[in-house]
N, C-alpha and C. Protein backbone atom coordinates (compact mmCIF):
# COMPACT_ATOMS: atom_id res chain seq x y z
N MET A 1 -76.30 3.87 30.81
CA MET A 1 -75.73 3.45 29.57
C MET A 1 -74.27 3.10 29.83
N ARG A 2 -73.87 2.07 29.23
CA ARG A 2 -72.53 1.54 29.43
C ARG A 2 -71.64 1.95 28.26
N ALA A 3 -70.41 2.49 28.60
CA ALA A 3 -69.48 2.91 27.55
C ALA A 3 -68.74 1.69 27.03
N SER A 4 -68.60 1.63 25.73
CA SER A 4 -67.81 0.53 25.17
C SER A 4 -66.50 1.09 24.65
N ALA A 5 -65.48 0.29 24.80
CA ALA A 5 -64.15 0.72 24.35
C ALA A 5 -64.07 0.62 22.84
N GLN A 6 -63.69 1.71 22.23
CA GLN A 6 -63.54 1.75 20.79
C GLN A 6 -62.06 2.00 20.48
N PRO A 7 -61.50 1.31 19.51
CA PRO A 7 -60.10 1.57 19.16
C PRO A 7 -59.93 2.99 18.62
N VAL A 8 -58.84 3.61 19.02
CA VAL A 8 -58.51 4.94 18.53
C VAL A 8 -57.85 4.77 17.17
N PRO A 9 -58.30 5.52 16.17
CA PRO A 9 -57.70 5.39 14.84
C PRO A 9 -56.19 5.60 14.89
N GLY A 10 -55.46 4.70 14.25
CA GLY A 10 -54.00 4.80 14.18
C GLY A 10 -53.29 4.13 15.33
N SER A 11 -54.03 3.67 16.35
CA SER A 11 -53.37 3.01 17.47
C SER A 11 -53.27 1.52 17.19
N PRO A 12 -52.33 0.82 17.88
CA PRO A 12 -52.24 -0.63 17.66
C PRO A 12 -53.60 -1.26 17.95
N GLY A 13 -53.98 -2.17 17.14
CA GLY A 13 -55.26 -2.84 17.31
C GLY A 13 -56.40 -2.13 16.60
N SER A 14 -56.18 -0.96 16.04
CA SER A 14 -57.26 -0.23 15.37
C SER A 14 -57.53 -0.79 13.99
N GLY A 15 -56.54 -1.50 13.45
CA GLY A 15 -56.71 -2.05 12.12
C GLY A 15 -56.42 -1.05 11.02
N ALA A 16 -56.27 0.20 11.37
CA ALA A 16 -56.04 1.24 10.36
C ALA A 16 -54.64 1.14 9.77
N ARG A 17 -53.64 0.81 10.56
CA ARG A 17 -52.26 0.74 10.07
C ARG A 17 -51.54 -0.48 10.64
N PRO A 18 -51.86 -1.66 10.19
CA PRO A 18 -51.20 -2.85 10.75
C PRO A 18 -49.71 -2.88 10.42
N TRP A 19 -49.30 -2.24 9.35
CA TRP A 19 -47.89 -2.22 8.96
C TRP A 19 -47.06 -1.36 9.92
N ALA A 20 -47.66 -0.38 10.59
CA ALA A 20 -46.92 0.50 11.50
C ALA A 20 -46.37 -0.28 12.69
N ALA A 21 -47.18 -1.17 13.24
CA ALA A 21 -46.72 -1.99 14.37
C ALA A 21 -45.62 -2.93 13.92
N ALA A 22 -45.76 -3.50 12.73
CA ALA A 22 -44.72 -4.40 12.21
C ALA A 22 -43.43 -3.64 11.96
N LEU A 23 -43.55 -2.44 11.42
CA LEU A 23 -42.37 -1.61 11.18
C LEU A 23 -41.68 -1.24 12.49
N ALA A 24 -42.45 -0.86 13.49
CA ALA A 24 -41.88 -0.52 14.80
C ALA A 24 -41.17 -1.72 15.41
N ALA A 25 -41.74 -2.90 15.28
CA ALA A 25 -41.12 -4.12 15.80
C ALA A 25 -39.82 -4.41 15.06
N LEU A 26 -39.83 -4.25 13.74
CA LEU A 26 -38.63 -4.47 12.94
C LEU A 26 -37.52 -3.49 13.33
N LEU A 27 -37.88 -2.22 13.49
CA LEU A 27 -36.89 -1.22 13.90
C LEU A 27 -36.31 -1.55 15.28
N LEU A 28 -37.15 -2.01 16.19
CA LEU A 28 -36.67 -2.38 17.52
C LEU A 28 -35.70 -3.56 17.43
N VAL A 29 -36.03 -4.56 16.63
CA VAL A 29 -35.14 -5.72 16.46
C VAL A 29 -33.81 -5.27 15.86
N LEU A 30 -33.85 -4.42 14.83
CA LEU A 30 -32.61 -3.92 14.23
C LEU A 30 -31.77 -3.13 15.22
N LEU A 31 -32.42 -2.28 15.99
CA LEU A 31 -31.71 -1.48 16.98
C LEU A 31 -31.03 -2.37 18.02
N LEU A 32 -31.76 -3.35 18.52
CA LEU A 32 -31.18 -4.25 19.52
C LEU A 32 -30.08 -5.13 18.95
N THR A 33 -30.18 -5.46 17.67
CA THR A 33 -29.16 -6.28 17.02
C THR A 33 -27.91 -5.47 16.74
N LEU A 34 -28.07 -4.24 16.26
CA LEU A 34 -26.93 -3.44 15.86
C LEU A 34 -26.32 -2.62 16.99
N ALA A 35 -27.05 -2.32 18.03
CA ALA A 35 -26.55 -1.46 19.10
C ALA A 35 -25.27 -1.97 19.74
N PRO A 36 -25.14 -3.27 20.06
CA PRO A 36 -23.87 -3.71 20.65
C PRO A 36 -22.68 -3.45 19.72
N GLY A 37 -22.86 -3.66 18.42
CA GLY A 37 -21.78 -3.38 17.47
C GLY A 37 -21.44 -1.91 17.40
N LEU A 38 -22.46 -1.06 17.48
CA LEU A 38 -22.21 0.37 17.46
C LEU A 38 -21.46 0.81 18.70
N ALA A 39 -21.77 0.23 19.84
CA ALA A 39 -21.07 0.58 21.08
C ALA A 39 -19.62 0.16 20.98
N ARG A 40 -19.35 -0.97 20.34
CA ARG A 40 -17.97 -1.46 20.23
C ARG A 40 -17.16 -0.66 19.23
N ALA A 41 -17.80 0.08 18.35
CA ALA A 41 -17.06 0.83 17.34
C ALA A 41 -16.15 1.86 17.99
N ASP A 42 -16.47 2.32 19.18
CA ASP A 42 -15.61 3.27 19.89
C ASP A 42 -15.60 2.88 21.36
N ASP A 43 -14.88 1.81 21.67
CA ASP A 43 -14.82 1.30 23.03
C ASP A 43 -14.03 2.21 23.95
N GLY A 44 -13.38 3.22 23.41
CA GLY A 44 -12.52 4.05 24.24
C GLY A 44 -13.24 4.74 25.38
N GLN A 45 -12.47 5.01 26.42
CA GLN A 45 -12.96 5.77 27.57
C GLN A 45 -12.38 7.17 27.45
N ARG A 46 -13.17 8.19 27.82
CA ARG A 46 -12.73 9.58 27.68
C ARG A 46 -12.96 10.35 28.97
N TRP A 47 -12.04 11.31 29.22
CA TRP A 47 -12.17 12.19 30.37
C TRP A 47 -11.72 13.58 29.97
N SER A 48 -12.23 14.58 30.67
CA SER A 48 -11.76 15.96 30.53
C SER A 48 -10.93 16.27 31.78
N LEU A 49 -9.77 16.84 31.57
CA LEU A 49 -8.84 17.13 32.65
C LEU A 49 -8.34 18.57 32.54
N ARG A 50 -7.70 19.03 33.60
CA ARG A 50 -6.99 20.32 33.60
C ARG A 50 -5.59 20.08 34.12
N ASP A 51 -4.61 20.73 33.49
CA ASP A 51 -3.25 20.61 33.99
C ASP A 51 -3.02 21.65 35.08
N ARG A 52 -1.83 21.65 35.63
CA ARG A 52 -1.53 22.58 36.73
C ARG A 52 -1.54 24.03 36.29
N GLY A 53 -1.45 24.27 34.99
CA GLY A 53 -1.55 25.62 34.44
C GLY A 53 -2.97 25.99 34.08
N ASP A 54 -3.94 25.17 34.46
CA ASP A 54 -5.36 25.34 34.22
C ASP A 54 -5.75 25.23 32.74
N ASN A 55 -4.91 24.58 31.93
CA ASN A 55 -5.25 24.31 30.54
C ASN A 55 -6.12 23.06 30.49
N ARG A 56 -7.06 23.04 29.57
CA ARG A 56 -7.98 21.91 29.44
C ARG A 56 -7.41 20.85 28.49
N TRP A 57 -7.64 19.57 28.86
CA TRP A 57 -7.17 18.43 28.09
C TRP A 57 -8.25 17.37 27.99
N SER A 58 -8.18 16.60 26.94
CA SER A 58 -9.01 15.41 26.80
C SER A 58 -8.07 14.21 26.91
N MET A 59 -8.46 13.22 27.71
CA MET A 59 -7.68 11.99 27.83
C MET A 59 -8.56 10.85 27.36
N ARG A 60 -7.98 9.98 26.57
CA ARG A 60 -8.72 8.84 26.03
C ARG A 60 -7.87 7.59 26.10
N ILE A 61 -8.45 6.48 26.53
CA ILE A 61 -7.81 5.17 26.53
C ILE A 61 -8.58 4.31 25.54
N PHE A 62 -7.87 3.66 24.61
CA PHE A 62 -8.55 2.87 23.60
C PHE A 62 -7.60 1.84 23.02
N GLU A 63 -8.15 0.88 22.32
CA GLU A 63 -7.40 -0.15 21.62
C GLU A 63 -7.04 0.39 20.23
N GLN A 64 -5.77 0.28 19.83
CA GLN A 64 -5.33 0.77 18.52
C GLN A 64 -6.11 0.03 17.43
N PRO A 65 -6.92 0.76 16.64
CA PRO A 65 -7.77 0.10 15.64
C PRO A 65 -7.10 -0.09 14.28
N ASP A 66 -6.03 0.63 13.99
CA ASP A 66 -5.44 0.63 12.65
C ASP A 66 -4.48 -0.55 12.51
N PRO A 67 -4.77 -1.49 11.60
CA PRO A 67 -3.89 -2.65 11.43
C PRO A 67 -2.51 -2.29 10.89
N ALA A 68 -2.33 -1.08 10.40
CA ALA A 68 -1.02 -0.65 9.91
C ALA A 68 -0.04 -0.41 11.05
N TYR A 69 -0.54 -0.33 12.28
CA TYR A 69 0.30 -0.09 13.46
C TYR A 69 0.19 -1.25 14.43
N PRO A 70 1.17 -1.41 15.32
CA PRO A 70 1.09 -2.49 16.31
C PRO A 70 -0.18 -2.37 17.16
N SER A 71 -0.76 -3.50 17.50
CA SER A 71 -1.97 -3.49 18.32
C SER A 71 -1.62 -3.18 19.77
N GLY A 72 -2.63 -2.91 20.55
CA GLY A 72 -2.45 -2.64 21.96
C GLY A 72 -3.22 -1.40 22.38
N GLU A 73 -3.28 -1.20 23.68
CA GLU A 73 -4.00 -0.05 24.21
C GLU A 73 -3.14 1.20 24.14
N ARG A 74 -3.82 2.32 23.89
CA ARG A 74 -3.15 3.60 23.77
C ARG A 74 -3.80 4.61 24.71
N LEU A 75 -3.00 5.58 25.09
CA LEU A 75 -3.46 6.73 25.87
C LEU A 75 -3.24 7.94 24.98
N ARG A 76 -4.31 8.67 24.69
CA ARG A 76 -4.21 9.86 23.85
C ARG A 76 -4.56 11.08 24.71
N LEU A 77 -3.70 12.09 24.63
CA LEU A 77 -3.94 13.36 25.30
C LEU A 77 -4.04 14.44 24.23
N SER A 78 -5.12 15.22 24.31
CA SER A 78 -5.35 16.29 23.33
C SER A 78 -5.65 17.58 24.07
N ALA A 79 -4.93 18.63 23.71
CA ALA A 79 -5.17 19.94 24.31
C ALA A 79 -6.50 20.49 23.81
N LEU A 80 -7.32 20.95 24.73
CA LEU A 80 -8.57 21.61 24.37
C LEU A 80 -8.43 23.12 24.48
N THR A 81 -7.34 23.55 25.10
CA THR A 81 -7.00 24.97 25.18
C THR A 81 -6.19 25.31 23.93
N PRO A 82 -6.60 26.28 23.15
CA PRO A 82 -5.88 26.62 21.91
C PRO A 82 -4.44 27.06 22.17
N GLY A 83 -3.58 26.79 21.19
CA GLY A 83 -2.21 27.28 21.22
C GLY A 83 -1.21 26.37 21.92
N ILE A 84 -1.61 25.20 22.36
CA ILE A 84 -0.67 24.28 23.02
C ILE A 84 -0.14 23.29 21.99
N ALA A 85 1.17 23.15 21.93
CA ALA A 85 1.81 22.22 21.01
C ALA A 85 2.55 21.17 21.83
N VAL A 86 2.27 19.90 21.54
CA VAL A 86 2.94 18.81 22.24
C VAL A 86 4.19 18.38 21.48
N ASP A 87 5.07 17.67 22.17
CA ASP A 87 6.29 17.13 21.56
C ASP A 87 5.98 15.70 21.14
N HIS A 88 6.10 15.41 19.87
CA HIS A 88 5.77 14.09 19.35
C HIS A 88 6.94 13.12 19.41
N SER A 89 8.05 13.52 19.99
CA SER A 89 9.21 12.63 20.02
C SER A 89 9.55 12.11 21.42
N ARG A 90 9.11 12.80 22.46
CA ARG A 90 9.47 12.39 23.82
C ARG A 90 8.36 11.54 24.44
N PRO A 91 8.74 10.67 25.40
CA PRO A 91 7.74 9.80 26.05
C PRO A 91 6.93 10.54 27.10
N LEU A 92 5.87 9.89 27.54
CA LEU A 92 5.04 10.38 28.63
C LEU A 92 5.58 9.78 29.92
N LEU A 93 5.76 10.62 30.94
CA LEU A 93 6.24 10.14 32.23
C LEU A 93 5.09 10.13 33.21
N LEU A 94 4.97 9.05 33.98
CA LEU A 94 3.94 8.93 35.00
C LEU A 94 4.62 8.66 36.33
N SER A 95 4.05 9.20 37.40
CA SER A 95 4.56 8.91 38.74
C SER A 95 3.39 8.86 39.71
N ASP A 96 3.58 8.08 40.79
CA ASP A 96 2.50 7.93 41.76
C ASP A 96 2.78 8.61 43.09
N GLY A 97 3.89 9.31 43.23
CA GLY A 97 4.18 10.05 44.45
C GLY A 97 4.83 9.24 45.55
N VAL A 98 4.92 7.93 45.40
CA VAL A 98 5.57 7.10 46.42
C VAL A 98 6.69 6.25 45.81
N GLY A 99 7.27 6.74 44.73
CA GLY A 99 8.41 6.07 44.11
C GLY A 99 8.11 5.30 42.85
N GLY A 100 6.85 5.07 42.55
CA GLY A 100 6.52 4.38 41.31
C GLY A 100 6.59 5.34 40.14
N SER A 101 7.23 4.89 39.06
CA SER A 101 7.30 5.73 37.86
C SER A 101 7.30 4.85 36.63
N TRP A 102 6.76 5.40 35.56
CA TRP A 102 6.62 4.68 34.31
C TRP A 102 6.96 5.64 33.17
N THR A 103 7.49 5.09 32.09
CA THR A 103 7.79 5.84 30.87
C THR A 103 7.04 5.15 29.73
N LEU A 104 6.14 5.87 29.10
CA LEU A 104 5.34 5.31 28.01
C LEU A 104 5.85 5.84 26.67
N ALA A 105 6.11 4.92 25.76
CA ALA A 105 6.62 5.28 24.44
C ALA A 105 5.63 6.16 23.69
N ASN A 106 6.17 7.16 23.02
CA ASN A 106 5.36 8.08 22.22
C ASN A 106 5.00 7.39 20.90
N ARG A 107 3.72 7.29 20.64
CA ARG A 107 3.21 6.68 19.41
C ARG A 107 2.38 7.70 18.62
N SER A 108 2.80 8.95 18.67
CA SER A 108 2.05 10.00 17.98
C SER A 108 1.98 9.79 16.48
N GLU A 109 2.93 9.05 15.91
CA GLU A 109 2.88 8.79 14.47
C GLU A 109 1.61 8.05 14.08
N GLU A 110 0.97 7.38 15.05
CA GLU A 110 -0.26 6.65 14.78
C GLU A 110 -1.49 7.56 14.67
N LEU A 111 -1.32 8.83 14.95
CA LEU A 111 -2.44 9.77 14.88
C LEU A 111 -2.90 10.02 13.44
N VAL A 112 -2.05 9.73 12.48
CA VAL A 112 -2.40 9.90 11.06
C VAL A 112 -2.06 8.61 10.33
N ALA A 113 -2.71 8.39 9.21
CA ALA A 113 -2.40 7.22 8.40
C ALA A 113 -0.94 7.30 7.97
N ALA A 114 -0.29 6.15 7.85
CA ALA A 114 1.13 6.09 7.49
C ALA A 114 1.42 6.96 6.27
N GLY A 115 2.32 7.90 6.43
CA GLY A 115 2.72 8.79 5.35
C GLY A 115 1.67 9.79 4.92
N ALA A 116 0.65 10.02 5.75
CA ALA A 116 -0.47 10.87 5.32
C ALA A 116 -0.29 12.35 5.64
N GLY A 117 0.79 12.73 6.27
CA GLY A 117 0.97 14.16 6.50
C GLY A 117 1.40 14.49 7.90
N ALA A 118 1.25 15.77 8.22
CA ALA A 118 1.73 16.29 9.50
C ALA A 118 0.88 15.80 10.66
N LEU A 119 1.54 15.65 11.80
CA LEU A 119 0.85 15.25 13.02
C LEU A 119 0.10 16.44 13.61
N PRO A 120 -1.02 16.20 14.26
CA PRO A 120 -1.75 17.31 14.89
C PRO A 120 -0.92 17.91 16.01
N GLU A 121 -0.82 19.20 16.02
CA GLU A 121 0.03 19.91 16.97
C GLU A 121 -0.42 19.73 18.42
N SER A 122 -1.71 19.56 18.65
CA SER A 122 -2.23 19.58 20.01
C SER A 122 -2.53 18.19 20.60
N SER A 123 -2.18 17.11 19.90
CA SER A 123 -2.46 15.76 20.40
C SER A 123 -1.22 14.89 20.37
N ALA A 124 -1.12 14.01 21.36
CA ALA A 124 -0.05 13.02 21.40
C ALA A 124 -0.65 11.70 21.87
N GLN A 125 -0.01 10.62 21.46
CA GLN A 125 -0.52 9.29 21.77
C GLN A 125 0.62 8.44 22.31
N PHE A 126 0.30 7.58 23.31
CA PHE A 126 1.32 6.81 24.00
C PHE A 126 0.88 5.36 24.15
N ASP A 127 1.87 4.46 24.16
CA ASP A 127 1.64 3.02 24.25
C ASP A 127 1.53 2.60 25.71
N LEU A 128 0.44 1.95 26.08
CA LEU A 128 0.25 1.52 27.46
C LEU A 128 0.94 0.19 27.78
N ALA A 129 1.62 -0.41 26.80
CA ALA A 129 2.29 -1.69 27.04
C ALA A 129 3.35 -1.60 28.13
N ASP A 130 3.98 -0.43 28.29
CA ASP A 130 5.04 -0.28 29.28
C ASP A 130 4.52 0.13 30.66
N LEU A 131 3.23 0.10 30.85
CA LEU A 131 2.65 0.46 32.14
C LEU A 131 2.62 -0.78 33.04
N LEU A 132 3.81 -1.34 33.26
CA LEU A 132 3.97 -2.54 34.08
C LEU A 132 5.04 -2.31 35.13
N PRO A 133 4.86 -2.78 36.36
CA PRO A 133 3.58 -3.29 36.83
C PRO A 133 2.55 -2.17 36.82
N ARG A 134 1.29 -2.56 36.79
CA ARG A 134 0.23 -1.57 36.76
C ARG A 134 0.30 -0.70 38.02
N PRO A 135 0.02 0.59 37.87
CA PRO A 135 0.00 1.47 39.05
C PRO A 135 -1.13 1.08 39.98
N SER A 136 -0.96 1.42 41.24
CA SER A 136 -2.00 1.16 42.23
C SER A 136 -3.26 1.91 41.84
N ASP A 137 -4.39 1.31 42.14
CA ASP A 137 -5.65 1.99 41.86
C ASP A 137 -6.03 2.94 42.99
N ALA A 138 -5.19 2.99 44.04
CA ALA A 138 -5.50 3.82 45.21
C ALA A 138 -4.68 5.10 45.27
N LEU A 139 -3.65 5.21 44.46
CA LEU A 139 -2.78 6.39 44.50
C LEU A 139 -3.02 7.27 43.28
N PRO A 140 -3.07 8.59 43.48
CA PRO A 140 -3.22 9.48 42.31
C PRO A 140 -1.96 9.41 41.44
N LEU A 141 -2.15 9.59 40.17
CA LEU A 141 -1.04 9.58 39.22
C LEU A 141 -0.83 10.98 38.66
N VAL A 142 0.43 11.32 38.44
CA VAL A 142 0.78 12.57 37.78
C VAL A 142 1.37 12.22 36.43
N LEU A 143 0.81 12.79 35.37
CA LEU A 143 1.31 12.61 34.02
C LEU A 143 2.11 13.85 33.65
N SER A 144 3.31 13.64 33.17
CA SER A 144 4.14 14.74 32.71
C SER A 144 4.23 14.62 31.19
N LEU A 145 3.44 15.45 30.51
CA LEU A 145 3.32 15.41 29.06
C LEU A 145 4.31 16.38 28.43
N PRO A 146 5.20 15.88 27.56
CA PRO A 146 6.16 16.78 26.92
C PRO A 146 5.50 17.74 25.94
N LEU A 147 5.84 19.01 26.08
CA LEU A 147 5.35 20.04 25.16
C LEU A 147 6.49 20.46 24.25
N ALA A 148 6.17 21.18 23.19
CA ALA A 148 7.18 21.69 22.28
C ALA A 148 8.18 22.52 23.08
N GLY A 149 9.44 22.42 22.73
CA GLY A 149 10.49 23.07 23.51
C GLY A 149 10.87 22.16 24.66
N GLU A 150 11.22 22.71 25.77
CA GLU A 150 11.62 21.90 26.92
C GLU A 150 10.53 21.79 27.99
N ALA A 151 9.41 22.43 27.78
CA ALA A 151 8.35 22.47 28.79
C ALA A 151 7.58 21.15 28.85
N SER A 152 6.79 21.01 29.89
CA SER A 152 5.87 19.88 29.99
C SER A 152 4.62 20.34 30.73
N ALA A 153 3.54 19.62 30.50
CA ALA A 153 2.28 19.88 31.19
C ALA A 153 2.10 18.77 32.21
N GLU A 154 1.72 19.13 33.43
CA GLU A 154 1.48 18.13 34.46
C GLU A 154 -0.01 18.01 34.72
N LEU A 155 -0.49 16.79 34.59
CA LEU A 155 -1.90 16.50 34.82
C LEU A 155 -2.00 15.51 35.97
N VAL A 156 -2.79 15.84 36.97
CA VAL A 156 -3.01 14.94 38.10
C VAL A 156 -4.32 14.21 37.83
N LEU A 157 -4.23 12.89 37.78
CA LEU A 157 -5.42 12.10 37.50
C LEU A 157 -6.22 11.86 38.77
N GLY A 158 -7.52 11.89 38.62
CA GLY A 158 -8.41 11.58 39.73
C GLY A 158 -8.60 10.08 39.85
N PRO A 159 -9.42 9.66 40.81
CA PRO A 159 -9.62 8.23 41.06
C PRO A 159 -10.15 7.45 39.84
N GLU A 160 -11.07 8.04 39.10
CA GLU A 160 -11.66 7.33 37.95
C GLU A 160 -10.61 7.07 36.86
N GLU A 161 -9.82 8.09 36.53
CA GLU A 161 -8.80 7.94 35.50
C GLU A 161 -7.69 6.99 35.95
N THR A 162 -7.30 7.10 37.23
CA THR A 162 -6.26 6.21 37.78
C THR A 162 -6.74 4.76 37.74
N LEU A 163 -7.97 4.53 38.11
CA LEU A 163 -8.53 3.18 38.09
C LEU A 163 -8.54 2.64 36.66
N ALA A 164 -8.85 3.47 35.68
CA ALA A 164 -8.88 3.04 34.29
C ALA A 164 -7.48 2.62 33.83
N LEU A 165 -6.44 3.37 34.22
CA LEU A 165 -5.08 2.99 33.86
C LEU A 165 -4.67 1.71 34.58
N HIS A 166 -5.07 1.58 35.83
CA HIS A 166 -4.77 0.35 36.59
C HIS A 166 -5.42 -0.86 35.91
N ALA A 167 -6.61 -0.68 35.39
CA ALA A 167 -7.37 -1.78 34.80
C ALA A 167 -7.04 -2.04 33.34
N ALA A 168 -6.21 -1.20 32.72
CA ALA A 168 -5.88 -1.38 31.30
C ALA A 168 -5.35 -2.79 31.09
N SER A 169 -5.73 -3.40 29.99
CA SER A 169 -5.35 -4.79 29.74
C SER A 169 -3.84 -4.92 29.57
N ILE A 170 -3.34 -6.04 30.03
CA ILE A 170 -1.92 -6.35 29.90
C ILE A 170 -1.72 -7.08 28.58
N PRO A 171 -0.75 -6.66 27.75
CA PRO A 171 -0.52 -7.34 26.47
C PRO A 171 -0.28 -8.84 26.69
N ALA A 172 -0.81 -9.66 25.78
CA ALA A 172 -0.72 -11.12 25.90
C ALA A 172 0.73 -11.60 26.01
N ALA A 173 1.65 -11.07 25.21
CA ALA A 173 3.05 -11.51 25.26
C ALA A 173 3.66 -11.20 26.62
N THR A 174 3.35 -10.05 27.18
CA THR A 174 3.89 -9.67 28.47
C THR A 174 3.30 -10.53 29.57
N ALA A 175 2.01 -10.82 29.50
CA ALA A 175 1.35 -11.63 30.52
C ALA A 175 1.94 -13.04 30.55
N GLN A 176 2.32 -13.59 29.38
CA GLN A 176 2.88 -14.92 29.32
C GLN A 176 4.29 -14.97 29.90
N GLU A 177 5.04 -13.85 29.79
CA GLU A 177 6.40 -13.81 30.31
C GLU A 177 6.41 -13.82 31.82
N GLY A 178 5.42 -13.13 32.46
CA GLY A 178 5.39 -12.95 33.90
C GLY A 178 4.75 -14.06 34.58
């Protein structure tokens, strides 16, 4: 006796639920259409770091999304270890160990909507426009982040983070000048 293939109830081709296949196809089309936009909603790159005092930090590079502030790429550092307060008035200092150094303007005021209240104690934000010329992608970078008082936290970036800073886009006005 020869077995004949019978459709399994509820499976495609069974005829029991023709709308299920159409719905699945529609959901797939929507997902593929909307997914690129969802990915672009947060184009930022993120890393977890430790400073020389073994405190944990989050580092993020992203394009400033708020039209109330100047556009451009930003570097945000946020303490993940409780009790750390950053200085929102001093710049971030970077050095590469062979004489290269950069000073990035503090843009911590951009962490909250204009006039919306106090700045977060554990996060600071910096403008990458002054990261010119770009640091070498082959040398480690040391970030000296100003903390409340006179202290600072030193974070040594690994190859991935250094490469990301090297690859950060150059502002259009600056690129035209050079």
